[in-house]
Amino acid sequence: MAWIILLIGSVCEVGWLIGMKYADGFTRFWPTVVMLFFMIASVGCLGLAVKSIPAGTAYAVWTGGSIAAVAIIGVFLFGEPPTPLRLASFALIIAGMVGLRLSGVE
């Protein structure tokens, strides 16, 4: 269950990072509110997950998942360049997360 909560937290982190982009330096009210909601939810999920997942593993998966997701979303939503090196780097992040999950540490 902790891994599912961690995944939800990582998705919420994606929400606040995208919200931050749309908040335009905190000058737009509703995107800022959405960003703050997802930020609180994201950190809350991480806090729950570290009760049974080692903190280093949880933090690596939490940030790694959101980094890869936001980078991929950035390609489609914000027109960021999908260079081969960027795509390979995203794949390495995801492979590292899978490796941490399969390590059997819980």
PDB file of N, CA and C in Angstrom:
ATOM      1  N   MET A   1       0.814  -1.197   0.000  1.00  0.00           N
ATOM      2  CA  MET A   1       0.000   0.000   0.000  1.00  0.00           C
ATOM      3  C   MET A   1       0.861   1.268   0.000  1.00  0.00           C
ATOM      4  N   ALA A   2       2.018   1.199   0.684  1.00  0.00           N
ATOM      5  CA  ALA A   2       2.901   2.371   0.748  1.00  0.00           C
ATOM      6  C   ALA A   2       3.400   2.766  -0.634  1.00  0.00           C
ATOM      7  N   TRP A   3       3.642   1.773  -1.489  1.00  0.00           N
ATOM      8  CA  TRP A   3       4.114   2.073  -2.841  1.00  0.00           C
ATOM      9  C   TRP A   3       3.035   2.770  -3.656  1.00  0.00           C
ATOM     10  N   ILE A   4       1.787   2.407  -3.447  1.00  0.00           N
ATOM     11  CA  ILE A   4       0.674   3.068  -4.152  1.00  0.00           C
ATOM     12  C   ILE A   4       0.552   4.512  -3.669  1.00  0.00           C
ATOM     13  N   ILE A   5       0.668   4.711  -2.359  1.00  0.00           N
ATOM     14  CA  ILE A   5       0.622   6.070  -1.812  1.00  0.00           C
ATOM     15  C   ILE A   5       1.778   6.894  -2.366  1.00  0.00           C
ATOM     16  N   LEU A   6       2.949   6.284  -2.476  1.00  0.00           N
ATOM     17  CA  LEU A   6       4.106   6.972  -3.034  1.00  0.00           C
ATOM     18  C   LEU A   6       3.867   7.339  -4.494  1.00  0.00           C
ATOM     19  N   LEU A   7       3.263   6.446  -5.256  1.00  0.00           N
ATOM     20  CA  LEU A   7       2.933   6.740  -6.656  1.00  0.00           C
ATOM     21  C   LEU A   7       1.948   7.905  -6.744  1.00  0.00           C
ATOM     22  N   ILE A   8       0.937   7.901  -5.884  1.00  0.00           N
ATOM     23  CA  ILE A   8      -0.026   9.002  -5.867  1.00  0.00           C
ATOM     24  C   ILE A   8       0.689  10.313  -5.526  1.00  0.00           C
ATOM     25  N   GLY A   9       1.602  10.262  -4.580  1.00  0.00           N
ATOM     26  CA  GLY A   9       2.377  11.446  -4.225  1.00  0.00           C
ATOM     27  C   GLY A   9       3.221  11.954  -5.379  1.00  0.00           C
ATOM     28  N   SER A  10       3.789  11.041  -6.134  1.00  0.00           N
ATOM     29  CA  SER A  10       4.592  11.430  -7.290  1.00  0.00           C
ATOM     30  C   SER A  10       3.707  12.079  -8.363  1.00  0.00           C
ATOM     31  N   VAL A  11       2.511  11.535  -8.567  1.00  0.00           N
ATOM     32  CA  VAL A  11       1.563  12.136  -9.523  1.00  0.00           C
ATOM     33  C   VAL A  11       1.160  13.528  -9.040  1.00  0.00           C
ATOM     34  N   CYS A  12       0.936  13.678  -7.734  1.00  0.00           N
ATOM     35  CA  CYS A  12       0.607  15.000  -7.190  1.00  0.00           C
ATOM     36  C   CYS A  12       1.768  15.974  -7.384  1.00  0.00           C
ATOM     37  N   GLU A  13       2.983  15.477  -7.282  1.00  0.00           N
ATOM     38  CA  GLU A  13       4.135  16.342  -7.517  1.00  0.00           C
ATOM     39  C   GLU A  13       4.150  16.828  -8.963  1.00  0.00           C
ATOM     40  N   VAL A  14       3.783  15.967  -9.879  1.00  0.00           N
ATOM     41  CA  VAL A  14       3.660  16.382 -11.279  1.00  0.00           C
ATOM     42  C   VAL A  14       2.614  17.489 -11.384  1.00  0.00           C
ATOM     43  N   GLY A  15       1.501  17.318 -10.658  1.00  0.00           N
ATOM     44  CA  GLY A  15       0.451  18.335 -10.674  1.00  0.00           C
ATOM     45  C   GLY A  15       0.934  19.684 -10.192  1.00  0.00           C
ATOM     46  N   TRP A  16       1.738  19.686  -9.114  1.00  0.00           N
ATOM     47  CA  TRP A  16       2.178  21.000  -8.628  1.00  0.00           C
ATOM     48  C   TRP A  16       3.263  21.606  -9.508  1.00  0.00           C
ATOM     49  N   LEU A  17       4.060  20.788 -10.140  1.00  0.00           N
ATOM     50  CA  LEU A  17       5.067  21.350 -11.048  1.00  0.00           C
ATOM     51  C   LEU A  17       4.421  21.949 -12.292  1.00  0.00           C
ATOM     52  N   ILE A  18       3.410  21.290 -12.824  1.00  0.00           N
ATOM     53  CA  ILE A  18       2.688  21.846 -13.969  1.00  0.00           C
ATOM     54  C   ILE A  18       1.903  23.083 -13.531  1.00  0.00           C
ATOM     55  N   GLY A  19       1.292  23.007 -12.333  1.00  0.00           N
ATOM     56  CA  GLY A  19       0.596  24.173 -11.803  1.00  0.00           C
ATOM     57  C   GLY A  19       1.527  25.369 -11.648  1.00  0.00           C
ATOM     58  N   MET A  20       2.767  25.093 -11.241  1.00  0.00           N
ATOM     59  CA  MET A  20       3.739  26.171 -11.095  1.00  0.00           C
ATOM     60  C   MET A  20       4.015  26.846 -12.436  1.00  0.00           C
ATOM     61  N   LYS A  21       4.083  26.043 -13.470  1.00  0.00           N
ATOM     62  CA  LYS A  21       4.309  26.606 -14.805  1.00  0.00           C
ATOM     63  C   LYS A  21       3.162  27.545 -15.187  1.00  0.00           C
ATOM     64  N   TYR A  22       1.933  27.104 -14.934  1.00  0.00           N
ATOM     65  CA  TYR A  22       0.761  27.912 -15.284  1.00  0.00           C
ATOM     66  C   TYR A  22       0.527  29.064 -14.304  1.00  0.00           C
ATOM     67  N   ALA A  23       1.068  28.987 -13.095  1.00  0.00           N
ATOM     68  CA  ALA A  23       0.915  30.068 -12.119  1.00  0.00           C
ATOM     69  C   ALA A  23       1.701  31.313 -12.540  1.00  0.00           C
ATOM     70  N   ASP A  24       2.621  31.151 -13.470  1.00  0.00           N
ATOM     71  CA  ASP A  24       3.371  32.269 -14.047  1.00  0.00           C
ATOM     72  C   ASP A  24       4.006  33.140 -12.960  1.00  0.00           C
ATOM     73  N   GLY A  25       4.847  32.502 -12.160  1.00  0.00           N
ATOM     74  CA  GLY A  25       5.538  33.240 -11.099  1.00  0.00           C
ATOM     75  C   GLY A  25       4.597  33.686  -9.995  1.00  0.00           C
ATOM     76  N   PHE A  26       3.589  32.891  -9.736  1.00  0.00           N
ATOM     77  CA  PHE A  26       2.592  33.144  -8.691  1.00  0.00           C
ATOM     78  C   PHE A  26       1.750  34.389  -8.973  1.00  0.00           C
ATOM     79  N   THR A  27       1.628  34.762 -10.238  1.00  0.00           N
ATOM     80  CA  THR A  27       0.830  35.940 -10.601  1.00  0.00           C
ATOM     81  C   THR A  27      -0.595  35.564 -10.987  1.00  0.00           C
ATOM     82  N   ARG A  28      -0.875  34.283 -11.171  1.00  0.00           N
ATOM     83  CA  ARG A  28      -2.228  33.833 -11.520  1.00  0.00           C
ATOM     84  C   ARG A  28      -2.789  33.069 -10.332  1.00  0.00           C
ATOM     85  N   PHE A  29      -3.957  33.521  -9.836  1.00  0.00           N
ATOM     86  CA  PHE A  29      -4.502  33.022  -8.583  1.00  0.00           C
ATOM     87  C   PHE A  29      -4.848  31.544  -8.623  1.00  0.00           C
ATOM     88  N   TRP A  30      -5.729  31.112  -9.531  1.00  0.00           N
ATOM     89  CA  TRP A  30      -6.205  29.720  -9.505  1.00  0.00           C
ATOM     90  C   TRP A  30      -5.118  28.701  -9.799  1.00  0.00           C
ATOM     91  N   PRO A  31      -4.239  28.939 -10.767  1.00  0.00           N
ATOM     92  CA  PRO A  31      -3.135  27.981 -10.920  1.00  0.00           C
ATOM     93  C   PRO A  31      -2.251  27.902  -9.677  1.00  0.00           C
ATOM     94  N   THR A  32      -2.096  29.011  -8.962  1.00  0.00           N
ATOM     95  CA  THR A  32      -1.315  28.989  -7.726  1.00  0.00           C
ATOM     96  C   THR A  32      -2.021  28.164  -6.653  1.00  0.00           C
ATOM     97  N   VAL A  33      -3.351  28.294  -6.551  1.00  0.00           N
ATOM     98  CA  VAL A  33      -4.125  27.510  -5.584  1.00  0.00           C
ATOM     99  C   VAL A  33      -4.013  26.024  -5.904  1.00  0.00           C
ATOM    100  N   VAL A  34      -4.157  25.672  -7.184  1.00  0.00           N
ATOM    101  CA  VAL A  34      -4.043  24.271  -7.607  1.00  0.00           C
ATOM    102  C   VAL A  34      -2.646  23.746  -7.281  1.00  0.00           C
ATOM    103  N   MET A  35      -1.636  24.557  -7.560  1.00  0.00           N
ATOM    104  CA  MET A  35      -0.258  24.157  -7.274  1.00  0.00           C
ATOM    105  C   MET A  35      -0.071  23.886  -5.781  1.00  0.00           C
ATOM    106  N   LEU A  36      -0.585  24.757  -4.932  1.00  0.00           N
ATOM    107  CA  LEU A  36      -0.445  24.572  -3.486  1.00  0.00           C
ATOM    108  C   LEU A  36      -1.175  23.321  -3.002  1.00  0.00           C
ATOM    109  N   PHE A  37      -2.360  23.062  -3.556  1.00  0.00           N
ATOM    110  CA  PHE A  37      -3.099  21.848  -3.193  1.00  0.00           C
ATOM    111  C   PHE A  37      -2.276  20.602  -3.505  1.00  0.00           C
ATOM    112  N   PHE A  38      -1.759  20.528  -4.731  1.00  0.00           N
ATOM    113  CA  PHE A  38      -0.984  19.348  -5.125  1.00  0.00           C
ATOM    114  C   PHE A  38       0.334  19.260  -4.358  1.00  0.00           C
ATOM    115  N   MET A  39       0.904  20.404  -4.003  1.00  0.00           N
ATOM    116  CA  MET A  39       2.148  20.392  -3.239  1.00  0.00           C
ATOM    117  C   MET A  39       1.916  19.762  -1.863  1.00  0.00           C
ATOM    118  N   ILE A  40       0.856  20.179  -1.193  1.00  0.00           N
ATOM    119  CA  ILE A  40       0.538  19.631   0.130  1.00  0.00           C
ATOM    120  C   ILE A  40       0.217  18.136   0.029  1.00  0.00           C
ATOM    121  N   ALA A  41      -0.579  17.773  -0.979  1.00  0.00           N
ATOM    122  CA  ALA A  41      -0.936  16.360  -1.155  1.00  0.00           C
ATOM    123  C   ALA A  41       0.301  15.514  -1.449  1.00  0.00           C
ATOM    124  N   SER A  42       1.201  16.041  -2.255  1.00  0.00           N
ATOM    125  CA  SER A  42       2.404  15.309  -2.626  1.00  0.00           C
ATOM    126  C   SER A  42       3.292  15.038  -1.426  1.00  0.00           C
ATOM    127  N   VAL A  43       3.571  16.065  -0.651  1.00  0.00           N
ATOM    128  CA  VAL A  43       4.420  15.905   0.529  1.00  0.00           C
ATOM    129  C   VAL A  43       3.722  15.033   1.569  1.00  0.00           C
ATOM    130  N   GLY A  44       2.404  15.168   1.682  1.00  0.00           N
ATOM    131  CA  GLY A  44       1.656  14.323   2.606  1.00  0.00           C
ATOM    132  C   GLY A  44       1.771  12.851   2.250  1.00  0.00           C
ATOM    133  N   CYS A  45       1.660  12.546   0.971  1.00  0.00           N
ATOM    134  CA  CYS A  45       1.801  11.149   0.532  1.00  0.00           C
ATOM    135  C   CYS A  45       3.212  10.631   0.802  1.00  0.00           C
ATOM    136  N   LEU A  46       4.214  11.457   0.545  1.00  0.00           N
ATOM    137  CA  LEU A  46       5.586  11.047   0.833  1.00  0.00           C
ATOM    138  C   LEU A  46       5.743  10.753   2.321  1.00  0.00           C
ATOM    139  N   GLY A  47       5.177  11.617   3.161  1.00  0.00           N
ATOM    140  CA  GLY A  47       5.254  11.411   4.596  1.00  0.00           C
ATOM    141  C   GLY A  47       4.625  10.100   5.039  1.00  0.00           C
ATOM    142  N   LEU A  48       3.506   9.742   4.426  1.00  0.00           N
ATOM    143  CA  LEU A  48       2.872   8.465   4.750  1.00  0.00           C
ATOM    144  C   LEU A  48       3.704   7.284   4.252  1.00  0.00           C
ATOM    145  N   ALA A  49       4.274   7.424   3.057  1.00  0.00           N
ATOM    146  CA  ALA A  49       5.027   6.321   2.461  1.00  0.00           C
ATOM    147  C   ALA A  49       6.293   5.990   3.252  1.00  0.00           C
ATOM    148  N   VAL A  50       6.955   7.021   3.805  1.00  0.00           N
ATOM    149  CA  VAL A  50       8.219   6.753   4.504  1.00  0.00           C
ATOM    150  C   VAL A  50       8.010   6.061   5.851  1.00  0.00           C
ATOM    151  N   LYS A  51       6.764   5.859   6.222  1.00  0.00           N
ATOM    152  CA  LYS A  51       6.512   5.079   7.429  1.00  0.00           C
ATOM    153  C   LYS A  51       6.902   3.620   7.224  1.00  0.00           C
ATOM    154  N   SER A  52       6.851   3.134   5.968  1.00  0.00           N
ATOM    155  CA  SER A  52       7.203   1.732   5.729  1.00  0.00           C
ATOM    156  C   SER A  52       8.211   1.528   4.598  1.00  0.00           C
ATOM    157  N   ILE A  53       8.553   2.569   3.870  1.00  0.00           N
ATOM    158  CA  ILE A  53       9.586   2.477   2.831  1.00  0.00           C
ATOM    159  C   ILE A  53      10.769   3.307   3.323  1.00  0.00           C
ATOM    160  N   PRO A  54      12.002   2.810   3.185  1.00  0.00           N
ATOM    161  CA  PRO A  54      13.155   3.615   3.600  1.00  0.00           C
ATOM    162  C   PRO A  54      13.125   5.004   2.957  1.00  0.00           C
ATOM    163  N   ALA A  55      13.468   6.010   3.733  1.00  0.00           N
ATOM    164  CA  ALA A  55      13.357   7.396   3.275  1.00  0.00           C
ATOM    165  C   ALA A  55      14.127   7.662   1.983  1.00  0.00           C
ATOM    166  N   GLY A  56      15.339   7.153   1.881  1.00  0.00           N
ATOM    167  CA  GLY A  56      16.128   7.382   0.670  1.00  0.00           C
ATOM    168  C   GLY A  56      15.489   6.777  -0.560  1.00  0.00           C
ATOM    169  N   THR A  57      14.977   5.573  -0.415  1.00  0.00           N
ATOM    170  CA  THR A  57      14.303   4.899  -1.527  1.00  0.00           C
ATOM    171  C   THR A  57      13.028   5.640  -1.895  1.00  0.00           C
ATOM    172  N   ALA A  58      12.237   5.994  -0.885  1.00  0.00           N
ATOM    173  CA  ALA A  58      10.979   6.692  -1.142  1.00  0.00           C
ATOM    174  C   ALA A  58      11.231   8.025  -1.830  1.00  0.00           C
ATOM    175  N   TYR A  59      12.209   8.772  -1.341  1.00  0.00           N
ATOM    176  CA  TYR A  59      12.489  10.077  -1.935  1.00  0.00           C
ATOM    177  C   TYR A  59      12.997   9.944  -3.366  1.00  0.00           C
ATOM    178  N   ALA A  60      13.848   8.968  -3.612  1.00  0.00           N
ATOM    179  CA  ALA A  60      14.369   8.757  -4.968  1.00  0.00           C
ATOM    180  C   ALA A  60      13.253   8.404  -5.941  1.00  0.00           C
ATOM    181  N   VAL A  61      12.348   7.533  -5.524  1.00  0.00           N
ATOM    182  CA  VAL A  61      11.239   7.135  -6.400  1.00  0.00           C
ATOM    183  C   VAL A  61      10.258   8.293  -6.565  1.00  0.00           C
ATOM    184  N   TRP A  62       9.961   8.999  -5.489  1.00  0.00           N
ATOM    185  CA  TRP A  62       9.030  10.131  -5.513  1.00  0.00           C
ATOM    186  C   TRP A  62       9.514  11.212  -6.472  1.00  0.00           C
ATOM    187  N   THR A  63      10.775  11.612  -6.332  1.00  0.00           N
ATOM    188  CA  THR A  63      11.303  12.659  -7.204  1.00  0.00           C
ATOM    189  C   THR A  63      11.607  12.125  -8.601  1.00  0.00           C
ATOM    190  N   GLY A  64      12.145  10.918  -8.680  1.00  0.00           N
ATOM    191  CA  GLY A  64      12.488  10.359  -9.993  1.00  0.00           C
ATOM    192  C   GLY A  64      11.269  10.194 -10.880  1.00  0.00           C
ATOM    193  N   GLY A  65      10.199   9.678 -10.305  1.00  0.00           N
ATOM    194  CA  GLY A  65       8.975   9.496 -11.083  1.00  0.00           C
ATOM    195  C   GLY A  65       8.421  10.799 -11.580  1.00  0.00           C
ATOM    196  N   SER A  66       8.412  11.800 -10.718  1.00  0.00           N
ATOM    197  CA  SER A  66       7.874  13.087 -11.148  1.00  0.00           C
ATOM    198  C   SER A  66       8.814  13.791 -12.125  1.00  0.00           C
ATOM    199  N   ILE A  67      10.103  13.634 -11.946  1.00  0.00           N
ATOM    200  CA  ILE A  67      11.055  14.239 -12.894  1.00  0.00           C
ATOM    201  C   ILE A  67      10.831  13.667 -14.289  1.00  0.00           C
ATOM    202  N   ALA A  68      10.778  12.355 -14.388  1.00  0.00           N
ATOM    203  CA  ALA A  68      10.580  11.727 -15.698  1.00  0.00           C
ATOM    204  C   ALA A  68       9.222  12.109 -16.290  1.00  0.00           C
ATOM    205  N   ALA A  69       8.175  12.088 -15.461  1.00  0.00           N
ATOM    206  CA  ALA A  69       6.836  12.408 -15.969  1.00  0.00           C
ATOM    207  C   ALA A  69       6.745  13.848 -16.432  1.00  0.00           C
ATOM    208  N   VAL A  70       7.262  14.784 -15.633  1.00  0.00           N
ATOM    209  CA  VAL A  70       7.197  16.195 -16.023  1.00  0.00           C
ATOM    210  C   VAL A  70       8.037  16.449 -17.265  1.00  0.00           C
ATOM    211  N   ALA A  71       9.170  15.803 -17.375  1.00  0.00           N
ATOM    212  CA  ALA A  71      10.007  15.987 -18.562  1.00  0.00           C
ATOM    213  C   ALA A  71       9.299  15.478 -19.814  1.00  0.00           C
ATOM    214  N   ILE A  72       8.640  14.333 -19.706  1.00  0.00           N
ATOM    215  CA  ILE A  72       7.908  13.787 -20.853  1.00  0.00           C
ATOM    216  C   ILE A  72       6.692  14.652 -21.174  1.00  0.00           C
ATOM    217  N   ILE A  73       5.974  15.091 -20.134  1.00  0.00           N
ATOM    218  CA  ILE A  73       4.833  15.981 -20.350  1.00  0.00           C
ATOM    219  C   ILE A  73       5.301  17.289 -20.972  1.00  0.00           C
ATOM    220  N   GLY A  74       6.460  17.769 -20.548  1.00  0.00           N
ATOM    221  CA  GLY A  74       7.013  18.995 -21.119  1.00  0.00           C
ATOM    222  C   GLY A  74       7.226  18.905 -22.614  1.00  0.00           C
ATOM    223  N   VAL A  75       7.591  17.740 -23.084  1.00  0.00           N
ATOM    224  CA  VAL A  75       7.770  17.539 -24.527  1.00  0.00           C
ATOM    225  C   VAL A  75       6.440  17.719 -25.247  1.00  0.00           C
ATOM    226  N   PHE A  76       5.376  17.133 -24.696  1.00  0.00           N
ATOM    227  CA  PHE A  76       4.081  17.172 -25.371  1.00  0.00           C
ATOM    228  C   PHE A  76       3.290  18.454 -25.086  1.00  0.00           C
ATOM    229  N   LEU A  77       3.356  18.957 -23.866  1.00  0.00           N
ATOM    230  CA  LEU A  77       2.520  20.088 -23.464  1.00  0.00           C
ATOM    231  C   LEU A  77       3.198  21.435 -23.697  1.00  0.00           C
ATOM    232  N   PHE A  78       4.505  21.492 -23.479  1.00  0.00           N
ATOM    233  CA  PHE A  78       5.211  22.764 -23.559  1.00  0.00           C
ATOM    234  C   PHE A  78       6.188  22.851 -24.737  1.00  0.00           C
ATOM    235  N   GLY A  79       6.203  21.831 -25.575  1.00  0.00           N
ATOM    236  CA  GLY A  79       7.040  21.867 -26.778  1.00  0.00           C
ATOM    237  C   GLY A  79       8.534  21.779 -26.511  1.00  0.00           C
ATOM    238  N   GLU A  80       8.929  21.162 -25.413  1.00  0.00           N
ATOM    239  CA  GLU A  80      10.355  21.011 -25.115  1.00  0.00           C
ATOM    240  C   GLU A  80      10.956  19.957 -26.056  1.00  0.00           C
ATOM    241  N   PRO A  81      12.220  20.101 -26.419  1.00  0.00           N
ATOM    242  CA  PRO A  81      12.811  19.201 -27.412  1.00  0.00           C
ATOM    243  C   PRO A  81      13.035  17.774 -26.889  1.00  0.00           C
ATOM    244  N   PRO A  82      12.554  16.761 -27.622  1.00  0.00           N
ATOM    245  CA  PRO A  82      12.765  15.357 -27.215  1.00  0.00           C
ATOM    246  C   PRO A  82      14.046  14.786 -27.826  1.00  0.00           C
ATOM    247  N   THR A  83      15.189  15.318 -27.419  1.00  0.00           N
ATOM    248  CA  THR A  83      16.442  14.846 -27.998  1.00  0.00           C
ATOM    249  C   THR A  83      16.726  13.416 -27.540  1.00  0.00           C
ATOM    250  N   PRO A  84      17.486  12.669 -28.317  1.00  0.00           N
ATOM    251  CA  PRO A  84      17.802  11.291 -27.925  1.00  0.00           C
ATOM    252  C   PRO A  84      18.456  11.190 -26.551  1.00  0.00           C
ATOM    253  N   LEU A  85      19.331  12.119 -26.214  1.00  0.00           N
ATOM    254  CA  LEU A  85      19.995  12.076 -24.906  1.00  0.00           C
ATOM    255  C   LEU A  85      18.984  12.312 -23.780  1.00  0.00           C
ATOM    256  N   ARG A  86      18.054  13.230 -23.967  1.00  0.00           N
ATOM    257  CA  ARG A  86      17.014  13.465 -22.946  1.00  0.00           C
ATOM    258  C   ARG A  86      16.158  12.218 -22.774  1.00  0.00           C
ATOM    259  N   LEU A  87      15.726  11.618 -23.866  1.00  0.00           N
ATOM    260  CA  LEU A  87      14.885  10.423 -23.795  1.00  0.00           C
ATOM    261  C   LEU A  87      15.627   9.273 -23.114  1.00  0.00           C
ATOM    262  N   ALA A  88      16.895   9.109 -23.445  1.00  0.00           N
ATOM    263  CA  ALA A  88      17.696   8.055 -22.803  1.00  0.00           C
ATOM    264  C   ALA A  88      17.849   8.337 -21.307  1.00  0.00           C
ATOM    265  N   SER A  89      18.019   9.596 -20.946  1.00  0.00           N
ATOM    266  CA  SER A  89      18.145   9.961 -19.539  1.00  0.00           C
ATOM    267  C   SER A  89      16.853   9.679 -18.776  1.00  0.00           C
ATOM    268  N   PHE A  90      15.705   9.969 -19.393  1.00  0.00           N
ATOM    269  CA  PHE A  90      14.416   9.644 -18.768  1.00  0.00           C
ATOM    270  C   PHE A  90      14.303   8.140 -18.553  1.00  0.00           C
ATOM    271  N   ALA A  91      14.729   7.376 -19.544  1.00  0.00           N
ATOM    272  CA  ALA A  91      14.667   5.912 -19.442  1.00  0.00           C
ATOM    273  C   ALA A  91      15.548   5.419 -18.293  1.00  0.00           C
ATOM    274  N   LEU A  92      16.706   6.037 -18.107  1.00  0.00           N
ATOM    275  CA  LEU A  92      17.584   5.646 -17.002  1.00  0.00           C
ATOM    276  C   LEU A  92      16.948   5.963 -15.643  1.00  0.00           C
ATOM    277  N   ILE A  93      16.274   7.097 -15.551  1.00  0.00           N
ATOM    278  CA  ILE A  93      15.580   7.440 -14.303  1.00  0.00           C
ATOM    279  C   ILE A  93      14.525   6.386 -13.995  1.00  0.00           C
ATOM    280  N   ILE A  94      13.737   6.041 -14.990  1.00  0.00           N
ATOM    281  CA  ILE A  94      12.677   5.046 -14.803  1.00  0.00           C
ATOM    282  C   ILE A  94      13.280   3.686 -14.453  1.00  0.00           C
ATOM    283  N   ALA A  95      14.371   3.307 -15.125  1.00  0.00           N
ATOM    284  CA  ALA A  95      15.032   2.030 -14.812  1.00  0.00           C
ATOM    285  C   ALA A  95      15.541   2.029 -13.370  1.00  0.00           C
ATOM    286  N   GLY A  96      16.063   3.138 -12.905  1.00  0.00           N
ATOM    287  CA  GLY A  96      16.522   3.232 -11.519  1.00  0.00           C
ATOM    288  C   GLY A  96      15.386   3.079 -10.534  1.00  0.00           C
ATOM    289  N   MET A  97      14.235   3.657 -10.846  1.00  0.00           N
ATOM    290  CA  MET A  97      13.068   3.535  -9.973  1.00  0.00           C
ATOM    291  C   MET A  97      12.592   2.087  -9.917  1.00  0.00           C
ATOM    292  N   VAL A  98      12.554   1.435 -11.064  1.00  0.00           N
ATOM    293  CA  VAL A  98      12.135   0.024 -11.106  1.00  0.00           C
ATOM    294  C   VAL A  98      13.119  -0.822 -10.301  1.00  0.00           C
ATOM    295  N   GLY A  99      14.405  -0.530 -10.442  1.00  0.00           N
ATOM    296  CA  GLY A  99      15.417  -1.260  -9.683  1.00  0.00           C
ATOM    297  C   GLY A  99      15.238  -1.087  -8.187  1.00  0.00           C
ATOM    298  N   LEU A 100      14.938   0.118  -7.755  1.00  0.00           N
ATOM    299  CA  LEU A 100      14.702   0.353  -6.327  1.00  0.00           C
ATOM    300  C   LEU A 100      13.481  -0.411  -5.839  1.00  0.00           C
ATOM    301  N   ARG A 101      12.437  -0.447  -6.652  1.00  0.00           N
ATOM    302  CA  ARG A 101      11.214  -1.166  -6.252  1.00  0.00           C
ATOM    303  C   ARG A 101      11.479  -2.666  -6.178  1.00  0.00           C
ATOM    304  N   LEU A 102      12.249  -3.184  -7.120  1.00  0.00           N
ATOM    305  CA  LEU A 102      12.530  -4.614  -7.159  1.00  0.00           C
ATOM    306  C   LEU A 102      13.610  -5.051  -6.179  1.00  0.00           C
ATOM    307  N   SER A 103      14.229  -4.095  -5.518  1.00  0.00           N
ATOM    308  CA  SER A 103      15.319  -4.430  -4.583  1.00  0.00           C
ATOM    309  C   SER A 103      14.831  -5.191  -3.364  1.00  0.00           C
ATOM    310  N   GLY A 104      13.524  -5.206  -3.156  1.00  0.00           N
ATOM    311  CA  GLY A 104      12.956  -5.962  -2.051  1.00  0.00           C
ATOM    312  C   GLY A 104      13.002  -5.234  -0.722  1.00  0.00           C
ATOM    313  N   VAL A 105      13.473  -4.012  -0.713  1.00  0.00           N
ATOM    314  CA  VAL A 105      13.526  -3.242   0.523  1.00  0.00           C
ATOM    315  C   VAL A 105      12.171  -2.622   0.771  1.00  0.00           C
ATOM    316  N   GLU A 106      11.593  -2.942   1.935  1.00  0.00           N
ATOM    317  CA  GLU A 106      10.296  -2.366   2.277  1.00  0.00           C
ATOM    318  C   GLU A 106      10.105  -2.268   3.745  1.00  0.00           C
TER     319      GLU A 106
END
